[in-house]
PDB file of all heavy atoms in Angstrom:
ATOM      1  N   PRO A   1      82.517  31.820  62.612  1.00  0.00           N
ATOM      2  CA  PRO A   1      83.278  33.067  62.674  1.00  0.00           C
ATOM      3  C   PRO A   1      84.533  32.982  61.855  1.00  0.00           C
ATOM      4  O   PRO A   1      85.057  31.901  61.613  1.00  0.00           O
ATOM      5  CB  PRO A   1      83.608  33.183  64.158  1.00  0.00           C
ATOM      6  CG  PRO A   1      83.559  31.801  64.707  1.00  0.00           C
ATOM      7  CD  PRO A   1      82.530  31.083  63.903  1.00  0.00           C
ATOM      8  N   SER A   2      84.988  34.156  61.418  1.00  0.00           N
ATOM      9  CA  SER A   2      86.209  34.215  60.630  1.00  0.00           C
ATOM     10  C   SER A   2      87.439  33.860  61.481  1.00  0.00           C
ATOM     11  O   SER A   2      87.381  33.899  62.726  1.00  0.00           O
ATOM     12  CB  SER A   2      86.428  35.575  60.031  1.00  0.00           C
ATOM     13  OG  SER A   2      86.560  36.536  61.039  1.00  0.00           O
ATOM     14  N   LYS A   3      88.527  33.499  60.846  1.00  0.00           N
ATOM     15  CA  LYS A   3      89.741  33.136  61.572  1.00  0.00           C
ATOM     16  C   LYS A   3      90.267  34.311  62.366  1.00  0.00           C
ATOM     17  O   LYS A   3      90.790  34.151  63.459  1.00  0.00           O
ATOM     18  CB  LYS A   3      90.816  32.627  60.567  1.00  0.00           C
ATOM     19  CG  LYS A   3      90.409  31.344  59.900  1.00  0.00           C
ATOM     20  CD  LYS A   3      91.535  30.903  58.972  1.00  0.00           C
ATOM     21  CE  LYS A   3      91.167  29.557  58.303  1.00  0.00           C
ATOM     22  NZ  LYS A   3      92.246  29.113  57.354  1.00  0.00           N
ATOM     23  N   THR A   4      90.175  35.514  61.815  1.00  0.00           N
ATOM     24  CA  THR A   4      90.666  36.704  62.522  1.00  0.00           C
ATOM     25  C   THR A   4      89.833  36.917  63.800  1.00  0.00           C
ATOM     26  O   THR A   4      90.414  37.248  64.880  1.00  0.00           O
ATOM     27  CB  THR A   4      90.528  37.945  61.613  1.00  0.00           C
ATOM     28  OG1 THR A   4      91.241  37.695  60.395  1.00  0.00           O
ATOM     29  CG2 THR A   4      91.110  39.160  62.307  1.00  0.00           C
ATOM     30  N   PHE A   5      88.513  36.777  63.697  1.00  0.00           N
ATOM     31  CA  PHE A   5      87.679  36.962  64.866  1.00  0.00           C
ATOM     32  C   PHE A   5      87.952  35.881  65.945  1.00  0.00           C
ATOM     33  O   PHE A   5      88.027  36.149  67.131  1.00  0.00           O
ATOM     34  CB  PHE A   5      86.183  36.917  64.454  1.00  0.00           C
ATOM     35  CG  PHE A   5      85.240  37.136  65.604  1.00  0.00           C
ATOM     36  CD1 PHE A   5      84.953  38.414  66.065  1.00  0.00           C
ATOM     37  CD2 PHE A   5      84.660  36.017  66.239  1.00  0.00           C
ATOM     38  CE1 PHE A   5      84.052  38.608  67.093  1.00  0.00           C
ATOM     39  CE2 PHE A   5      83.754  36.258  67.282  1.00  0.00           C
ATOM     40  CZ  PHE A   5      83.474  37.509  67.714  1.00  0.00           C
ATOM     41  N   ALA A   6      88.074  34.610  65.478  1.00  0.00           N
ATOM     42  CA  ALA A   6      88.308  33.507  66.419  1.00  0.00           C
ATOM     43  C   ALA A   6      89.664  33.598  67.098  1.00  0.00           C
ATOM     44  O   ALA A   6      89.821  33.243  68.272  1.00  0.00           O
ATOM     45  CB  ALA A   6      88.177  32.189  65.715  1.00  0.00           C
ATOM     46  N   SER A   7      90.659  34.139  66.365  1.00  0.00           N
ATOM     47  CA  SER A   7      92.003  34.236  66.984  1.00  0.00           C
ATOM     48  C   SER A   7      92.061  35.226  68.117  1.00  0.00           C
ATOM     49  O   SER A   7      92.908  35.132  68.964  1.00  0.00           O
ATOM     50  CB  SER A   7      93.029  34.613  65.903  1.00  0.00           C
ATOM     51  OG  SER A   7      92.713  35.902  65.321  1.00  0.00           O
ATOM     52  N   ALA A   8      91.149  36.204  68.115  1.00  0.00           N
ATOM     53  CA  ALA A   8      91.154  37.178  69.191  1.00  0.00           C
ATOM     54  C   ALA A   8      90.744  36.564  70.499  1.00  0.00           C
ATOM     55  O   ALA A   8      91.054  37.120  71.580  1.00  0.00           O
ATOM     56  CB  ALA A   8      90.188  38.349  68.830  1.00  0.00           C
ATOM     57  N   PHE A   9      90.055  35.381  70.483  1.00  0.00           N
ATOM     58  CA  PHE A   9      89.605  34.730  71.711  1.00  0.00           C
ATOM     59  C   PHE A   9      90.298  33.398  71.926  1.00  0.00           C
ATOM     60  O   PHE A   9      89.839  32.553  72.692  1.00  0.00           O
ATOM     61  CB  PHE A   9      88.094  34.523  71.655  1.00  0.00           C
ATOM     62  CG  PHE A   9      87.314  35.764  71.432  1.00  0.00           C
ATOM     63  CD1 PHE A   9      86.960  36.169  70.157  1.00  0.00           C
ATOM     64  CD2 PHE A   9      86.946  36.579  72.499  1.00  0.00           C
ATOM     65  CE1 PHE A   9      86.241  37.359  69.963  1.00  0.00           C
ATOM     66  CE2 PHE A   9      86.179  37.755  72.301  1.00  0.00           C
ATOM     67  CZ  PHE A   9      85.858  38.137  71.009  1.00  0.00           C
ATOM     68  N   ALA A  10      91.443  33.198  71.216  1.00  0.00           N
ATOM     69  CA  ALA A  10      92.103  31.876  71.265  1.00  0.00           C
ATOM     70  C   ALA A  10      92.635  31.582  72.676  1.00  0.00           C
ATOM     71  O   ALA A  10      92.607  30.469  73.129  1.00  0.00           O
ATOM     72  CB  ALA A  10      93.238  31.838  70.252  1.00  0.00           C
ATOM     73  N   GLY A  11      93.163  32.602  73.393  1.00  0.00           N
ATOM     74  CA  GLY A  11      93.748  32.343  74.695  1.00  0.00           C
ATOM     75  C   GLY A  11      92.790  32.391  75.890  1.00  0.00           C
ATOM     76  O   GLY A  11      93.201  32.304  77.027  1.00  0.00           O
ATOM     77  N   MET A  12      91.530  32.541  75.610  1.00  0.00           N
ATOM     78  CA  MET A  12      90.566  32.664  76.692  1.00  0.00           C
ATOM     79  C   MET A  12      89.830  31.339  76.912  1.00  0.00           C
ATOM     80  O   MET A  12      89.555  30.591  75.967  1.00  0.00           O
ATOM     81  CB  MET A  12      89.542  33.769  76.348  1.00  0.00           C
ATOM     82  CG  MET A  12      90.133  35.148  76.153  1.00  0.00           C
ATOM     83  SD  MET A  12      88.910  36.418  75.694  1.00  0.00           S
ATOM     84  CE  MET A  12      87.868  36.346  77.154  1.00  0.00           C
ATOM     85  N   LYS A  13      89.575  30.991  78.188  1.00  0.00           N
ATOM     86  CA  LYS A  13      88.843  29.762  78.537  1.00  0.00           C
ATOM     87  C   LYS A  13      87.434  30.115  79.034  1.00  0.00           C
ATOM     88  O   LYS A  13      87.255  31.121  79.710  1.00  0.00           O
ATOM     89  CB  LYS A  13      89.546  29.015  79.640  1.00  0.00           C
ATOM     90  CG  LYS A  13      90.946  28.488  79.222  1.00  0.00           C
ATOM     91  CD  LYS A  13      91.593  27.709  80.352  1.00  0.00           C
ATOM     92  CE  LYS A  13      92.928  27.183  79.932  1.00  0.00           C
ATOM     93  NZ  LYS A  13      93.584  26.379  81.018  1.00  0.00           N
ATOM     94  N   PRO A  14      86.449  29.311  78.631  1.00  0.00           N
ATOM     95  CA  PRO A  14      85.082  29.642  79.080  1.00  0.00           C
ATOM     96  C   PRO A  14      84.972  29.493  80.563  1.00  0.00           C
ATOM     97  O   PRO A  14      85.498  28.562  81.176  1.00  0.00           O
ATOM     98  CB  PRO A  14      84.232  28.608  78.309  1.00  0.00           C
ATOM     99  CG  PRO A  14      85.155  27.522  77.996  1.00  0.00           C
ATOM    100  CD  PRO A  14      86.504  28.136  77.782  1.00  0.00           C
ATOM    101  N   LYS A  15      84.292  30.414  81.223  1.00  0.00           N
ATOM    102  CA  LYS A  15      84.098  30.358  82.649  1.00  0.00           C
ATOM    103  C   LYS A  15      82.986  29.421  82.985  1.00  0.00           C
ATOM    104  O   LYS A  15      81.960  29.339  82.308  1.00  0.00           O
ATOM    105  CB  LYS A  15      83.741  31.760  83.164  1.00  0.00           C
ATOM    106  CG  LYS A  15      84.880  32.743  83.020  1.00  0.00           C
ATOM    107  CD  LYS A  15      84.513  34.108  83.626  1.00  0.00           C
ATOM    108  CE  LYS A  15      85.623  35.101  83.574  1.00  0.00           C
ATOM    109  NZ  LYS A  15      85.240  36.377  84.141  1.00  0.00           N
ATOM    110  N   ALA A  16      83.234  28.617  84.114  1.00  0.00           N
ATOM    111  CA  ALA A  16      82.167  27.672  84.572  1.00  0.00           C
ATOM    112  C   ALA A  16      81.097  28.468  85.273  1.00  0.00           C
ATOM    113  O   ALA A  16      81.291  29.535  85.857  1.00  0.00           O
ATOM    114  CB  ALA A  16      82.798  26.641  85.498  1.00  0.00           C
ATOM    115  N   ALA A  17      79.899  27.866  85.242  1.00  0.00           N
ATOM    116  CA  ALA A  17      78.781  28.479  85.909  1.00  0.00           C
ATOM    117  C   ALA A  17      78.930  28.412  87.425  1.00  0.00           C
ATOM    118  O   ALA A  17      79.588  27.514  87.908  1.00  0.00           O
ATOM    119  CB  ALA A  17      77.460  27.797  85.547  1.00  0.00           C
ATOM    120  N   PRO A  18      78.481  29.392  88.216  1.00  0.00           N
ATOM    121  CA  PRO A  18      78.623  29.329  89.671  1.00  0.00           C
ATOM    122  C   PRO A  18      78.026  28.100  90.262  1.00  0.00           C
ATOM    123  O   PRO A  18      77.087  27.517  89.708  1.00  0.00           O
ATOM    124  CB  PRO A  18      77.878  30.592  90.114  1.00  0.00           C
ATOM    125  CG  PRO A  18      77.884  31.501  88.925  1.00  0.00           C
ATOM    126  CD  PRO A  18      77.838  30.625  87.736  1.00  0.00           C
ATOM    127  N   ALA A  19      78.581  27.649  91.381  1.00  0.00           N
ATOM    128  CA  ALA A  19      78.106  26.414  92.052  1.00  0.00           C
ATOM    129  C   ALA A  19      76.646  26.573  92.468  1.00  0.00           C
ATOM    130  O   ALA A  19      75.916  25.566  92.494  1.00  0.00           O
ATOM    131  CB  ALA A  19      78.988  26.064  93.226  1.00  0.00           C
ATOM    132  N   SER A  20      76.284  27.755  92.868  1.00  0.00           N
ATOM    133  CA  SER A  20      74.882  27.929  93.271  1.00  0.00           C
ATOM    134  C   SER A  20      73.902  27.645  92.174  1.00  0.00           C
ATOM    135  O   SER A  20      72.776  27.213  92.414  1.00  0.00           O
ATOM    136  CB  SER A  20      74.715  29.370  93.787  1.00  0.00           C
ATOM    137  OG  SER A  20      75.027  30.313  92.787  1.00  0.00           O
ATOM    138  N   TYR A  21      74.334  27.868  90.902  1.00  0.00           N
ATOM    139  CA  TYR A  21      73.448  27.561  89.775  1.00  0.00           C
ATOM    140  C   TYR A  21      73.343  26.072  89.565  1.00  0.00           C
ATOM    141  O   TYR A  21      72.290  25.571  89.237  1.00  0.00           O
ATOM    142  CB  TYR A  21      73.941  28.239  88.516  1.00  0.00           C
ATOM    143  CG  TYR A  21      73.932  29.768  88.537  1.00  0.00           C
ATOM    144  CD1 TYR A  21      74.605  30.487  87.576  1.00  0.00           C
ATOM    145  CD2 TYR A  21      73.238  30.410  89.559  1.00  0.00           C
ATOM    146  CE1 TYR A  21      74.589  31.890  87.611  1.00  0.00           C
ATOM    147  CE2 TYR A  21      73.237  31.788  89.596  1.00  0.00           C
ATOM    148  CZ  TYR A  21      73.883  32.521  88.637  1.00  0.00           C
ATOM    149  OH  TYR A  21      73.871  33.883  88.676  1.00  0.00           O
ATOM    150  N   ARG A  22      74.484  25.343  89.733  1.00  0.00           N
ATOM    151  CA  ARG A  22      74.481  23.892  89.482  1.00  0.00           C
ATOM    152  C   ARG A  22      73.768  23.109  90.562  1.00  0.00           C
ATOM    153  O   ARG A  22      73.222  22.046  90.322  1.00  0.00           O
ATOM    154  CB  ARG A  22      75.916  23.389  89.332  1.00  0.00           C
ATOM    155  CG  ARG A  22      76.668  24.018  88.156  1.00  0.00           C
ATOM    156  CD  ARG A  22      77.963  23.272  87.855  1.00  0.00           C
ATOM    157  NE  ARG A  22      78.840  23.228  89.038  1.00  0.00           N
ATOM    158  CZ  ARG A  22      79.753  24.141  89.287  1.00  0.00           C
ATOM    159  NH1 ARG A  22      79.932  25.191  88.469  1.00  0.00           N
ATOM    160  NH2 ARG A  22      80.550  24.050  90.353  1.00  0.00           N
ATOM    161  N   LYS A  23      73.800  23.596  91.836  1.00  0.00           N
ATOM    162  CA  LYS A  23      73.205  22.860  92.959  1.00  0.00           C
ATOM    163  C   LYS A  23      71.882  23.408  93.431  1.00  0.00           C
ATOM    164  O   LYS A  23      71.449  23.200  94.573  1.00  0.00           O
ATOM    165  CB  LYS A  23      74.172  22.855  94.121  1.00  0.00           C
ATOM    166  CG  LYS A  23      75.522  22.197  93.794  1.00  0.00           C
ATOM    167  CD  LYS A  23      76.432  22.243  95.004  1.00  0.00           C
ATOM    168  CE  LYS A  23      77.799  21.564  94.674  1.00  0.00           C
ATOM    169  NZ  LYS A  23      78.726  21.616  95.812  1.00  0.00           N
ATOM    170  N   ALA A  24      71.218  24.120  92.577  1.00  0.00           N
ATOM    171  CA  ALA A  24      69.930  24.719  93.005  1.00  0.00           C
ATOM    172  C   ALA A  24      68.939  23.589  93.225  1.00  0.00           C
ATOM    173  O   ALA A  24      68.801  22.670  92.362  1.00  0.00           O
ATOM    174  CB  ALA A  24      69.442  25.671  91.893  1.00  0.00           C
ATOM    175  N   PRO A  25      68.256  23.537  94.413  1.00  0.00           N
ATOM    176  CA  PRO A  25      67.283  22.488  94.655  1.00  0.00           C
ATOM    177  C   PRO A  25      66.032  22.586  93.717  1.00  0.00           C
ATOM    178  O   PRO A  25      65.679  23.675  93.324  1.00  0.00           O
ATOM    179  CB  PRO A  25      66.886  22.756  96.134  1.00  0.00           C
ATOM    180  CG  PRO A  25      67.148  24.188  96.325  1.00  0.00           C
ATOM    181  CD  PRO A  25      68.330  24.517  95.480  1.00  0.00           C
ATOM    182  N   ALA A  26      65.517  21.439  93.452  1.00  0.00           N
ATOM    183  CA  ALA A  26      64.342  21.384  92.574  1.00  0.00           C
ATOM    184  C   ALA A  26      63.154  21.859  93.364  1.00  0.00           C
ATOM    185  O   ALA A  26      63.052  21.649  94.567  1.00  0.00           O
ATOM    186  CB  ALA A  26      64.146  19.970  92.022  1.00  0.00           C
ATOM    187  N   LEU A  27      62.237  22.435  92.696  1.00  0.00           N
ATOM    188  CA  LEU A  27      61.022  22.921  93.356  1.00  0.00           C
ATOM    189  C   LEU A  27      60.132  21.747  93.727  1.00  0.00           C
ATOM    190  O   LEU A  27      59.962  20.796  92.951  1.00  0.00           O
ATOM    191  CB  LEU A  27      60.257  23.865  92.392  1.00  0.00           C
ATOM    192  CG  LEU A  27      60.979  25.190  92.068  1.00  0.00           C
ATOM    193  CD1 LEU A  27      60.157  25.978  91.043  1.00  0.00           C
ATOM    194  CD2 LEU A  27      61.202  26.017  93.323  1.00  0.00           C
ATOM    195  N   GLN A  28      59.594  21.772  94.964  1.00  0.00           N
ATOM    196  CA  GLN A  28      58.715  20.705  95.417  1.00  0.00           C
ATOM    197  C   GLN A  28      57.286  21.154  95.293  1.00  0.00           C
ATOM    198  O   GLN A  28      56.947  22.319  95.514  1.00  0.00           O
ATOM    199  CB  GLN A  28      59.011  20.376  96.934  1.00  0.00           C
ATOM    200  CG  GLN A  28      60.420  19.935  97.199  1.00  0.00           C
ATOM    201  CD  GLN A  28      60.698  18.612  96.511  1.00  0.00           C
ATOM    202  OE1 GLN A  28      59.800  17.744  96.361  1.00  0.00           O
ATOM    203  NE2 GLN A  28      61.970  18.377  96.072  1.00  0.00           N
ATOM    204  N   PRO A  29      56.426  20.185  94.860  1.00  0.00           N
ATOM    205  CA  PRO A  29      55.016  20.556  94.712  1.00  0.00           C
ATOM    206  C   PRO A  29      54.406  20.861  96.079  1.00  0.00           C
ATOM    207  O   PRO A  29      54.650  20.208  97.095  1.00  0.00           O
ATOM    208  CB  PRO A  29      54.390  19.303  94.094  1.00  0.00           C
ATOM    209  CG  PRO A  29      55.285  18.205  94.457  1.00  0.00           C
ATOM    210  CD  PRO A  29      56.699  18.785  94.514  1.00  0.00           C
ATOM    211  N   VAL A  30      53.676  21.944  96.145  1.00  0.00           N
ATOM    212  CA  VAL A  30      52.989  22.334  97.379  1.00  0.00           C
ATOM    213  C   VAL A  30      51.601  21.734  97.390  1.00  0.00           C
ATOM    214  O   VAL A  30      50.884  21.771  96.374  1.00  0.00           O
ATOM    215  CB  VAL A  30      52.944  23.892  97.447  1.00  0.00           C
ATOM    216  CG1 VAL A  30      52.204  24.341  98.699  1.00  0.00           C
ATOM    217  CG2 VAL A  30      54.336  24.444  97.385  1.00  0.00           C
ATOM    218  N   ARG A  31      51.221  21.199  98.523  1.00  0.00           N
ATOM    219  CA  ARG A  31      49.932  20.557  98.620  1.00  0.00           C
ATOM    220  C   ARG A  31      48.853  21.611  98.467  1.00  0.00           C
ATOM    221  O   ARG A  31      48.850  22.649  99.099  1.00  0.00           O
ATOM    222  CB  ARG A  31      49.799  19.870 100.020  1.00  0.00           C
ATOM    223  CG  ARG A  31      48.688  18.874 100.069  1.00  0.00           C
ATOM    224  CD  ARG A  31      48.717  18.118 101.424  1.00  0.00           C
ATOM    225  NE  ARG A  31      47.823  17.014 101.500  1.00  0.00           N
ATOM    226  CZ  ARG A  31      48.071  15.798 100.962  1.00  0.00           C
ATOM    227  NH1 ARG A  31      49.231  15.582 100.372  1.00  0.00           N
ATOM    228  NH2 ARG A  31      47.180  14.829 101.058  1.00  0.00           N
ATOM    229  N   GLY A  32      47.907  21.263  97.662  1.00  0.00           N
ATOM    230  CA  GLY A  32      46.813  22.171  97.412  1.00  0.00           C
ATOM    231  C   GLY A  32      47.054  23.112  96.192  1.00  0.00           C
ATOM    232  O   GLY A  32      46.151  23.866  95.832  1.00  0.00           O
ATOM    233  N   GLN A  33      48.262  23.126  95.651  1.00  0.00           N
ATOM    234  CA  GLN A  33      48.585  23.927  94.451  1.00  0.00           C
ATOM    235  C   GLN A  33      49.150  23.074  93.366  1.00  0.00           C
ATOM    236  O   GLN A  33      49.806  22.085  93.623  1.00  0.00           O
ATOM    237  CB  GLN A  33      49.628  25.022  94.824  1.00  0.00           C
ATOM    238  CG  GLN A  33      49.124  26.125  95.772  1.00  0.00           C
ATOM    239  CD  GLN A  33      50.144  27.172  95.990  1.00  0.00           C
ATOM    240  OE1 GLN A  33      51.323  26.968  95.661  1.00  0.00           O
ATOM    241  NE2 GLN A  33      49.729  28.301  96.541  1.00  0.00           N
TER     242      GLN A  33
END
């Protein structure tokens, strides 16, 4: 991106993903499927 475009977002910090997304349990295999 150009310097002008990047400077418009210079003071913003990226938001972290919600905790529910990071701690989502892994899917367990179901017997018979």
